[in-house]
């Protein structure tokens, strides 16, 4: 039941900049979404339930009325999200990054970036550094490194600026080991795939692809392939070690990509005519296409379980969903403007696991006890410690005889559990389960004044006298 942060951000147009970021995840089986729509008159993040499609919160990001959030990087523990603010120059004089608290769903801080228009943004594998790719700087095109290590003296401050040239980076992707950040680099007609070594903070060019307009990047699960979408109508498969690549034409402007969970298929959206193309990663050929309802199906994102593909179009359109098992489109929802990317994350921040036992607090009867998660009978004792998990009247069986201590007349004696006549001798050892427990011996209705003692077998003096009298009477 894990779902996703999906980030939906806009593209710059001649009239306005519209950024949309959608974050969704699972809380007790419900998919919650966060949508950022940053029009010139709006700077809030809209949080929606993507199942009921209702708004549940609208926190503010940025400092100006037009922050224009562009992309997001989310911590693995989902405590924070870092959002690049494309148009925050009027506040910072440069640009900024918003820090969104994913527990409270409010902005907890901002970071000034000494370069103009940050686009791509990524965390290092150890999450101690944040890499922000900017469109303009001095010189043009920089990777700004921010220290985001908790407790560091320089936490949330810029510690390095790396010049890498080019115009801007639309997309980033981390290598499986978290040691490398791959990014597309638009640099005139000859775009590049660059790699940032997160340890040395060195940017290197893996390959330059002539006459290209690279947009998005995906990395295979084993790290052996890096896939690049090219608006000139290609998908490029790159060996990141050698820089060798192959190009496959799809006769449409390739946009966003999403790799299937098994790694066998690459879904490719297009920026012309609508539709998805499915790329076979083994044969490096396109095997089929799916026509979308909305034109220009620019941005896509695959759900964590791989069962659904979210599709957004350029312009104002609802979000479409593809069932990947049947390749059938499901009912669309919402209305989104100029979407540019969709990403996913698991929503543990909204449903934390305080005791770290793997069960979210909302489903854990004992959220602060890692040894317990359920209390079937509701008696306040976890099933693991409860000897009688289906009996609310019992929790322990000290002597292990199968009878709970609350009903066991002999909780420390495994050979006894009941005392029918209440004489202090268990029924198993008691030679008379219906003993005469009078304080003194009563004979024929007369009190003899003699103490009615009881032996180890549960037989009283009165029992013996009554038994003798019965025998005599029968004779």
Protein backbone atom coordinates (compact mmCIF):
# COMPACT_ATOMS: atom_id res chain seq x y z
CA UNK A 1 0.00 0.00 0.00
CA UNK A 2 2.74 2.38 -0.81
CA UNK A 3 2.31 5.19 -3.03
CA UNK A 4 4.04 8.16 -4.24
CA UNK A 5 5.18 11.71 -4.42
CA UNK A 6 4.58 12.77 -7.92
CA UNK A 7 6.10 16.01 -8.95
CA UNK A 8 4.34 17.95 -11.64
CA UNK A 9 5.98 21.19 -12.70
CA UNK A 10 5.41 23.62 -15.50
CA UNK A 11 7.31 24.82 -18.45
CA UNK A 12 8.03 28.48 -19.17
CA UNK A 13 5.74 30.00 -21.76
CA UNK A 14 5.74 33.46 -23.31
CA UNK A 15 2.86 34.58 -21.14
CA UNK A 16 3.23 32.88 -17.78
CA UNK A 17 5.12 30.30 -15.81
CA UNK A 18 2.96 27.58 -14.36
CA UNK A 19 4.45 24.95 -12.09
CA UNK A 20 2.62 21.93 -10.81
CA UNK A 21 4.04 19.37 -8.41
CA UNK A 22 1.92 16.44 -7.36
CA UNK A 23 2.91 14.35 -4.36
CA UNK A 24 0.89 11.26 -3.56
CA UNK A 25 1.27 8.43 -1.12
CA UNK A 26 -0.64 5.81 0.84
CA UNK A 27 -2.26 6.39 4.22
CA UNK A 28 -4.33 3.42 5.36
CA UNK A 29 -4.84 2.51 1.72
CA UNK A 30 -5.77 6.02 0.55
CA UNK A 31 -3.66 7.81 -2.05
CA UNK A 32 -2.91 11.36 -0.98
CA UNK A 33 -1.64 13.83 -3.55
CA UNK A 34 0.18 17.14 -3.35
CA UNK A 35 -0.25 19.43 -6.34
CA UNK A 36 1.71 22.65 -6.79
CA UNK A 37 0.18 25.10 -9.23
CA UNK A 38 2.25 28.25 -9.12
CA UNK A 39 0.54 30.84 -11.23
CA UNK A 40 1.72 34.44 -10.99
CA UNK A 41 -0.99 35.07 -8.40
CA UNK A 42 -0.47 31.86 -6.46
CA UNK A 43 2.32 30.37 -4.39
CA UNK A 44 0.61 27.51 -2.59
CA UNK A 45 0.95 23.76 -2.72
CA UNK A 46 -2.37 21.99 -3.07
CA UNK A 47 -2.60 18.66 -1.27
CA UNK A 48 -5.29 16.36 -2.56
CA UNK A 49 -6.58 12.85 -1.99
CA UNK A 50 -6.16 11.34 -5.43
CA UNK A 51 -8.85 8.75 -4.72
CA UNK A 52 -11.57 11.17 -3.60
CA UNK A 53 -9.94 14.09 -5.48
CA UNK A 54 -10.55 16.44 -2.57
CA UNK A 55 -8.21 19.18 -1.31
CA UNK A 56 -6.91 18.56 2.21
CA UNK A 57 -4.29 21.34 2.55
CA UNK A 58 -2.70 24.24 0.69
CA UNK A 59 0.66 25.17 2.24
CA UNK A 60 2.68 28.11 0.88
CA UNK A 61 6.12 27.69 -0.73
CA UNK A 62 8.68 30.34 -1.62
CA UNK A 63 8.83 33.92 -0.42
CA UNK A 64 7.36 35.87 -3.33
CA UNK A 65 3.98 35.82 -5.00
CA UNK A 66 5.54 34.05 -7.97
CA UNK A 67 8.08 31.47 -6.74
CA UNK A 68 7.37 29.10 -9.66
CA UNK A 69 8.38 25.75 -8.15
CA UNK A 70 9.98 23.60 -10.82
CA UNK A 71 11.25 20.26 -9.49
CA UNK A 72 11.58 18.38 -6.21
CA UNK A 73 14.02 16.13 -4.36
CA UNK A 74 12.62 14.11 -1.47
CA UNK A 75 14.49 12.63 1.48
CA UNK A 76 14.24 8.86 1.88
CA UNK A 77 12.64 9.19 5.31
CA UNK A 78 10.18 11.60 3.73
CA UNK A 79 10.69 14.20 6.40
CA UNK A 80 11.48 16.92 3.88
CA UNK A 81 11.20 17.83 0.22
CA UNK A 82 13.47 20.36 -1.50
CA UNK A 83 11.72 22.30 -4.27
CA UNK A 84 13.58 24.43 -6.79
CA UNK A 85 12.01 27.88 -7.19
CA UNK A 86 12.50 28.95 -10.76
CA UNK A 87 11.37 32.55 -10.46
CA UNK A 88 12.29 33.73 -6.94
CA UNK A 89 14.79 36.33 -8.19
CA UNK A 90 12.86 39.31 -6.85
CA UNK A 91 13.33 38.05 -3.31
CA UNK A 92 16.82 36.57 -3.33
CA UNK A 93 18.35 38.62 -6.10
CA UNK A 94 19.27 35.18 -7.38
CA UNK A 95 16.99 32.17 -6.88
CA UNK A 96 15.94 29.82 -4.13
CA UNK A 97 14.93 26.41 -2.89
CA UNK A 98 11.93 25.80 -0.66
CA UNK A 99 12.09 23.24 2.15
CA UNK A 100 8.74 21.55 2.64
CA UNK A 101 8.12 19.70 5.90
CA UNK A 102 6.31 16.53 4.86
CA UNK A 103 5.07 15.83 8.37
CA UNK A 104 3.26 19.13 8.83
CA UNK A 105 2.91 19.84 5.10
CA UNK A 106 4.20 23.38 5.59
CA UNK A 107 7.26 25.25 4.39
CA UNK A 108 9.91 25.02 7.09
CA UNK A 109 12.57 27.14 5.40
CA UNK A 110 14.20 28.40 2.22
CA UNK A 111 17.71 28.31 0.76
CA UNK A 112 19.18 31.13 -1.33
CA UNK A 113 20.87 29.92 -4.53
CA UNK A 114 23.54 32.27 -6.01
CA UNK A 115 22.60 31.58 -9.61
CA UNK A 116 19.53 32.23 -11.72
CA UNK A 117 16.63 29.88 -12.42
CA UNK A 118 17.28 26.50 -10.83
CA UNK A 119 15.73 23.61 -12.73
CA UNK A 120 16.91 20.08 -11.97
CA UNK A 121 17.48 19.16 -8.33
CA UNK A 122 18.82 15.97 -6.71
CA UNK A 123 20.06 14.63 -3.39
CA UNK A 124 23.27 12.65 -3.02
CA UNK A 125 22.89 9.00 -2.06
CA UNK A 126 23.80 9.73 1.57
CA UNK A 127 21.46 12.76 1.52
CA UNK A 128 24.14 15.07 2.90
CA UNK A 129 24.31 17.19 -0.24
CA UNK A 130 21.74 18.82 -2.48
CA UNK A 131 22.71 19.47 -6.10
CA UNK A 132 20.80 22.27 -7.83
CA UNK A 133 21.23 22.72 -11.59
CA UNK A 134 20.71 26.34 -12.68
CA UNK A 135 19.94 27.84 -16.06
CA UNK A 136 21.99 31.00 -15.73
CA UNK A 137 24.96 31.97 -13.64
CA UNK A 138 28.38 33.43 -13.97
CA UNK A 139 29.36 31.79 -16.23
CA UNK A 140 26.17 30.34 -17.68
CA UNK A 141 25.12 26.97 -16.28
CA UNK A 142 26.13 25.87 -12.79
CA UNK A 143 25.62 23.04 -10.36
CA UNK A 144 25.15 24.61 -6.94
CA UNK A 145 25.98 22.29 -4.03
CA UNK A 146 24.10 22.79 -0.75
CA UNK A 147 25.06 21.18 2.55
CA UNK A 148 21.85 19.59 3.86
CA UNK A 149 23.39 17.29 6.48
CA UNK A 150 21.33 17.56 9.66
CA UNK A 151 23.28 19.27 12.44
CA UNK A 152 26.10 20.43 10.18
CA UNK A 153 27.49 23.93 10.96
CA UNK A 154 26.78 24.85 7.34
CA UNK A 155 23.42 23.10 7.05
CA UNK A 156 21.23 24.54 4.28
CA UNK A 157 23.95 26.80 2.91
CA UNK A 158 25.75 26.75 -0.44
CA UNK A 159 29.20 25.16 -0.18
CA UNK A 160 30.24 24.94 -3.83
CA UNK A 161 29.40 26.22 -7.31
CA UNK A 162 30.47 24.04 -10.23
CA UNK A 163 30.59 25.52 -13.72
CA UNK A 164 29.44 23.03 -16.34
CA UNK A 165 28.24 25.28 -19.16
CA UNK A 166 25.10 24.86 -21.21
CA UNK A 167 21.68 26.35 -20.69
CA UNK A 168 19.73 24.25 -18.24
CA UNK A 169 18.97 20.78 -16.95
CA UNK A 170 15.39 19.52 -17.20
CA UNK A 171 15.94 16.15 -15.57
CA UNK A 172 18.26 14.32 -13.19
CA UNK A 173 18.59 10.67 -12.15
CA UNK A 174 20.72 8.99 -9.51
CA UNK A 175 22.83 5.92 -10.15
CA UNK A 176 21.74 2.85 -8.16
CA UNK A 177 24.69 3.24 -5.76
CA UNK A 178 23.88 6.91 -5.16
CA UNK A 179 27.40 8.01 -6.08
CA UNK A 180 26.57 9.65 -9.40
CA UNK A 181 23.91 12.10 -10.54
CA UNK A 182 23.16 12.01 -14.27
CA UNK A 183 21.71 15.09 -15.92
CA UNK A 184 20.78 16.26 -19.37
CA UNK A 185 22.49 19.47 -20.41
CA UNK A 186 20.99 21.64 -23.11
CA UNK A 187 23.88 23.36 -24.90
CA UNK A 188 22.81 24.62 -28.29
CA UNK A 189 22.37 21.96 -30.97
CA UNK A 190 24.78 19.51 -29.34
CA UNK A 191 23.31 18.45 -26.03
CA UNK A 192 25.16 16.41 -23.44
CA UNK A 193 24.70 13.76 -20.83
CA UNK A 194 26.75 14.85 -17.83
CA UNK A 195 27.60 13.05 -14.61
CA UNK A 196 28.26 14.59 -11.21
CA UNK A 197 30.51 12.66 -8.84
CA UNK A 198 28.82 13.40 -5.52
CA UNK A 199 32.00 12.75 -3.52
CA UNK A 200 34.45 14.89 -5.51
CA UNK A 201 31.80 17.31 -6.85
CA UNK A 202 33.31 17.05 -10.31
CA UNK A 203 31.09 17.30 -13.40
CA UNK A 204 32.14 15.27 -16.42
CA UNK A 205 30.62 14.81 -19.87
CA UNK A 206 29.73 11.23 -20.69
CA UNK A 207 28.60 11.84 -24.25
CA UNK A 208 27.67 14.71 -26.57
CA UNK A 209 24.89 13.88 -29.01
CA UNK A 210 24.98 16.04 -32.15
CA UNK A 211 21.85 17.80 -33.38
CA UNK A 212 19.85 16.82 -30.30
CA UNK A 213 17.49 18.42 -27.80
CA UNK A 214 17.76 16.20 -24.74
CA UNK A 215 15.03 16.35 -22.15
CA UNK A 216 14.78 13.54 -19.64
CA UNK A 217 16.95 10.80 -18.22
CA UNK A 218 16.23 7.34 -16.79
CA UNK A 219 18.71 4.82 -15.35
CA UNK A 220 18.32 1.03 -15.48
CA UNK A 221 18.15 -0.81 -12.15
CA UNK A 222 21.66 -2.21 -12.60
CA UNK A 223 23.08 1.14 -13.71
CA UNK A 224 24.30 -0.32 -16.98
CA UNK A 225 22.16 1.88 -19.21
CA UNK A 226 21.17 5.53 -19.17
CA UNK A 227 18.18 6.40 -21.38
CA UNK A 228 17.75 9.88 -22.83
CA UNK A 229 14.67 11.35 -24.47
CA UNK A 230 15.30 13.61 -27.43
CA UNK A 231 12.68 16.05 -28.72
CA UNK A 232 14.20 15.59 -32.15
CA UNK A 233 12.39 12.23 -32.19
CA UNK A 234 14.73 9.71 -30.58
CA UNK A 235 15.44 7.67 -27.50
CA UNK A 236 19.17 7.23 -26.88
CA UNK A 237 20.51 4.24 -24.91
CA UNK A 238 23.87 5.17 -23.41
CA UNK A 239 26.55 3.02 -21.79
CA UNK A 240 27.64 5.38 -18.97
CA UNK A 241 31.05 3.70 -18.72
CA UNK A 242 32.12 4.07 -22.35
CA UNK A 243 29.78 6.78 -23.60
CA UNK A 244 28.75 4.58 -26.51
CA UNK A 245 25.10 4.93 -27.46
CA UNK A 246 22.43 3.78 -29.88
CA UNK A 247 19.54 5.91 -31.12
CA UNK A 248 16.04 4.67 -31.88
CA UNK A 249 13.59 6.83 -33.80
CA UNK A 250 9.93 7.15 -32.82
CA UNK A 251 8.87 9.78 -35.37
CA UNK A 252 7.60 12.08 -32.61
CA UNK A 253 9.08 14.50 -30.08
CA UNK A 254 10.11 12.25 -27.19
CA UNK A 255 9.42 13.75 -23.77
CA UNK A 256 9.14 12.06 -20.35
CA UNK A 257 10.15 8.42 -19.78
CA UNK A 258 9.33 5.80 -17.16
CA UNK A 259 10.97 2.40 -16.79
CA UNK A 260 8.77 -0.59 -15.95
CA UNK A 261 9.43 -2.43 -12.70
CA UNK A 262 10.91 -5.43 -14.47
CA UNK A 263 13.11 -3.14 -16.56
CA UNK A 264 11.88 -4.67 -19.80
CA UNK A 265 9.83 -1.73 -21.04
CA UNK A 266 10.41 1.99 -21.23
CA UNK A 267 7.28 4.13 -21.53
CA UNK A 268 7.92 7.25 -23.61
CA UNK A 269 5.54 10.20 -23.80
CA UNK A 270 5.45 12.47 -26.82
CA UNK A 271 5.06 16.20 -27.29
CA UNK A 272 3.17 15.96 -30.55
CA UNK A 273 -0.08 14.25 -31.44
CA UNK A 274 -0.55 12.61 -28.06
CA UNK A 275 0.24 9.04 -27.26
CA UNK A 276 2.68 6.79 -25.47
CA UNK A 277 5.34 4.69 -27.09
CA UNK A 278 6.60 1.47 -25.50
CA UNK A 279 10.29 0.73 -25.94
CA UNK A 280 11.66 -2.80 -25.51
CA UNK A 281 14.94 -2.37 -23.60
CA UNK A 282 16.30 -5.74 -24.71
CA UNK A 283 15.86 -5.25 -28.46
CA UNK A 284 15.93 -1.42 -28.29
CA UNK A 285 12.91 -1.18 -30.54
CA UNK A 286 9.47 0.35 -30.12
CA UNK A 287 6.85 -2.38 -29.88
CA UNK A 288 3.54 -0.51 -29.53
CA UNK A 289 1.81 2.83 -29.05
CA UNK A 290 -1.15 3.90 -26.93
CA UNK A 291 -3.23 6.90 -27.92
CA UNK A 292 -4.06 9.20 -25.03
CA UNK A 293 -7.25 11.22 -24.72
CA UNK A 294 -5.44 14.53 -24.29
CA UNK A 295 -3.01 15.96 -26.86
CA UNK A 296 0.69 16.41 -26.16
CA UNK A 297 1.03 13.75 -23.44
CA UNK A 298 4.28 15.27 -22.29
CA UNK A 299 4.80 13.92 -18.77
CA UNK A 300 4.40 10.48 -17.25
CA UNK A 301 5.24 8.67 -14.04
CA UNK A 302 4.95 5.04 -13.01
CA UNK A 303 3.42 4.10 -9.65
CA UNK A 304 5.77 2.24 -7.27
CA UNK A 305 4.14 -1.12 -7.91
CA UNK A 306 4.22 -0.51 -11.66
CA UNK A 307 0.49 -1.04 -12.06
CA UNK A 308 -0.43 2.50 -13.10
CA UNK A 309 1.12 5.12 -15.34
CA UNK A 310 0.12 8.73 -14.68
CA UNK A 311 -0.06 10.93 -17.80
CA UNK A 312 -0.19 14.72 -18.00
CA UNK A 313 -0.51 16.93 -21.07
CA UNK A 314 0.74 20.40 -21.96
CA UNK A 315 -2.02 22.95 -21.47
CA UNK A 316 -4.95 22.62 -19.07
CA UNK A 317 -6.10 19.01 -18.93
CA UNK A 318 -7.01 16.32 -16.39
CA UNK A 319 -4.48 13.70 -15.36
CA UNK A 320 -4.89 10.42 -17.21
CA UNK A 321 -4.05 7.02 -15.75
CA UNK A 322 -3.03 3.93 -17.69
CA UNK A 323 -3.55 0.43 -16.34
CA UNK A 324 -0.24 -1.12 -17.39
CA UNK A 325 -1.56 -4.68 -17.17
CA UNK A 326 -4.31 -4.07 -19.73
CA UNK A 327 -2.97 -0.91 -21.42
CA UNK A 328 -6.40 0.61 -20.88
CA UNK A 329 -6.89 4.24 -19.82
CA UNK A 330 -8.75 4.72 -16.55
CA UNK A 331 -10.93 7.67 -15.57
CA UNK A 332 -8.93 10.94 -15.59
CA UNK A 333 -9.01 13.34 -12.63
CA UNK A 334 -8.34 16.96 -11.73
CA UNK A 335 -7.14 19.78 -13.94
CA UNK A 336 -3.43 20.49 -14.34
CA UNK A 337 -1.60 23.23 -16.21
CA UNK A 338 1.54 22.73 -18.30
CA UNK A 339 2.83 19.68 -16.43
CA UNK A 340 6.52 18.87 -16.83
CA UNK A 341 7.31 15.91 -14.57
CA UNK A 342 5.70 13.24 -12.46
CA UNK A 343 7.66 11.39 -9.76
CA UNK A 344 6.65 9.11 -6.92
CA UNK A 345 7.56 8.43 -3.31
CA UNK A 346 6.21 6.40 -0.41
CA UNK A 347 4.17 8.42 2.05
CA UNK A 348 5.66 7.41 5.38
CA UNK A 349 5.97 11.02 6.50
CA UNK A 350 2.20 11.33 6.62
CA UNK A 351 1.99 7.90 8.21
CA UNK A 352 5.27 7.42 10.12
CA UNK A 353 6.63 4.25 11.69
CA UNK A 354 7.76 5.64 15.04
CA UNK A 355 9.08 2.38 16.50
CA UNK A 356 10.66 1.22 13.23
CA UNK A 357 8.99 -2.19 13.19
CA UNK A 358 7.89 -1.90 9.57
CA UNK A 359 4.24 -1.19 10.39
CA UNK A 360 3.02 2.43 9.98
CA UNK A 361 1.65 4.11 13.09
CA UNK A 362 -1.85 4.22 11.65
CA UNK A 363 -1.90 0.42 11.51
CA UNK A 364 0.18 -0.24 14.66
CA UNK A 365 -1.73 -0.79 17.92
CA UNK A 366 1.58 -0.13 19.70
CA UNK A 367 3.37 2.61 17.68
CA UNK A 368 6.08 3.04 20.32
CA UNK A 369 6.80 -0.67 20.88
CA UNK A 370 8.76 -2.42 18.10
CA UNK A 371 7.90 -5.84 19.59
CA UNK A 372 4.16 -5.40 19.13
CA UNK A 373 1.85 -4.29 16.32
CA UNK A 374 -1.57 -5.87 16.97
CA UNK A 375 -4.01 -6.41 19.86
CA UNK A 376 -6.64 -8.75 18.45
CA UNK A 377 -8.76 -8.98 21.60
CA UNK A 378 -8.34 -5.31 22.53
CA UNK A 379 -7.20 -5.97 26.09
CA UNK A 380 -4.23 -3.59 25.90
CA UNK A 381 -1.64 -6.37 25.63
CA UNK A 382 0.00 -7.03 22.25
CA UNK A 383 -0.60 -10.36 20.59
CA UNK A 384 3.07 -11.34 20.85
CA UNK A 385 3.05 -11.02 24.64
CA UNK A 386 -0.56 -12.12 25.10
CA UNK A 387 -0.90 -15.82 25.93
CA UNK A 388 -4.55 -15.51 24.95
CA UNK A 389 -4.63 -13.06 21.99
CA UNK A 390 -8.29 -13.84 21.26
CA UNK A 391 -9.55 -13.64 24.87
CA UNK A 392 -9.86 -10.17 26.32
CA UNK A 393 -10.27 -11.59 29.85
CA UNK A 394 -6.86 -13.30 29.86
CA UNK A 395 -3.30 -12.30 28.99
CA UNK A 396 -0.98 -14.62 30.96
CA UNK A 397 -0.62 -18.30 31.83
CA UNK A 398 2.14 -18.42 34.42
CA UNK A 399 2.17 -22.20 34.87
CA UNK A 400 1.59 -22.96 31.19
CA UNK A 401 -1.34 -25.29 31.75
CA UNK A 402 -3.57 -23.62 29.17
CA UNK A 403 -5.74 -21.90 31.77
CA UNK A 404 -5.35 -18.12 32.06
CA UNK A 405 -4.18 -16.76 35.38
CA UNK A 406 -7.41 -14.83 35.89
CA UNK A 407 -9.49 -18.04 35.86
CA UNK A 408 -6.83 -20.49 37.11
CA UNK A 409 -7.41 -21.30 40.79
CA UNK A 410 -3.77 -22.45 40.90
CA UNK A 411 -1.85 -20.10 38.52
CA UNK A 412 1.52 -21.42 39.70
CA UNK A 413 0.63 -25.14 39.56
CA UNK A 414 0.54 -26.66 36.10
CA UNK A 415 -1.20 -29.78 37.43
CA UNK A 416 -4.22 -27.87 38.73
CA UNK A 417 -6.50 -25.16 37.46
CA UNK A 418 -9.85 -25.64 39.22
CA UNK A 419 -11.10 -26.05 42.80
CA UNK A 420 -14.78 -26.89 42.53
CA UNK A 421 -15.47 -27.05 46.26
CA UNK A 422 -13.17 -24.17 47.16
CA UNK A 423 -11.27 -26.19 49.72
CA UNK A 424 -7.84 -25.09 48.48
CA UNK A 425 -7.05 -28.45 46.93
CA UNK A 426 -7.18 -28.73 43.15
CA UNK A 427 -9.83 -30.93 41.64
CA UNK A 428 -7.20 -33.27 40.16
CA UNK A 429 -5.74 -34.07 43.61
CA UNK A 430 -8.96 -33.61 45.59
CA UNK A 431 -10.48 -36.92 46.73
CA UNK A 432 -13.72 -35.13 47.45
CA UNK A 433 -14.75 -32.38 45.10
CA UNK A 434 -17.73 -31.56 47.35
CA UNK A 435 -16.10 -31.36 50.76
CA UNK A 436 -17.94 -30.27 53.92
CA UNK A 437 -16.11 -27.07 54.73
CA UNK A 438 -17.89 -26.25 57.99
CA UNK A 439 -15.57 -24.70 60.57
CA UNK A 440 -16.53 -27.35 63.09
CA UNK A 441 -17.83 -30.90 62.72
CA UNK A 442 -21.61 -31.07 62.54
CA UNK A 443 -23.06 -34.49 63.46
CA UNK A 444 -26.72 -35.10 62.88
CA UNK A 445 -27.32 -31.38 62.99
CA UNK A 446 -25.46 -30.89 66.22
CA UNK A 447 -22.28 -28.81 66.45
CA UNK A 448 -19.63 -30.94 68.12
CA UNK A 449 -17.33 -27.96 68.62
CA UNK A 450 -14.50 -30.01 67.11
CA UNK A 451 -12.43 -28.19 64.47
CA UNK A 452 -13.17 -29.47 60.99
CA UNK A 453 -9.64 -30.04 59.70
CA UNK A 454 -8.73 -30.90 56.09
CA UNK A 455 -5.96 -33.21 54.86
CA UNK A 456 -3.64 -32.88 51.84
CA UNK A 457 -6.07 -34.77 49.64
CA UNK A 458 -8.89 -32.31 50.23
CA UNK A 459 -10.84 -34.53 52.64
CA UNK A 460 -12.16 -32.90 55.84
CA UNK A 461 -12.80 -34.52 59.20
CA UNK A 462 -16.51 -33.93 58.64
CA UNK A 463 -16.23 -35.77 55.29
CA UNK A 464 -14.72 -38.79 57.05
CA UNK A 465 -17.33 -38.80 59.80
CA UNK A 466 -20.15 -38.37 57.28
CA UNK A 467 -18.69 -41.12 55.11
CA UNK A 468 -18.42 -43.43 58.19
CA UNK A 469 -21.97 -42.63 59.19
CA UNK A 470 -23.17 -43.43 55.69
CA UNK A 471 -21.38 -46.76 55.79
CA UNK A 472 -22.83 -47.63 59.15
CA UNK A 473 -26.30 -46.63 58.04
CA UNK A 474 -26.04 -48.83 54.99
CA UNK A 475 -25.04 -51.76 57.14
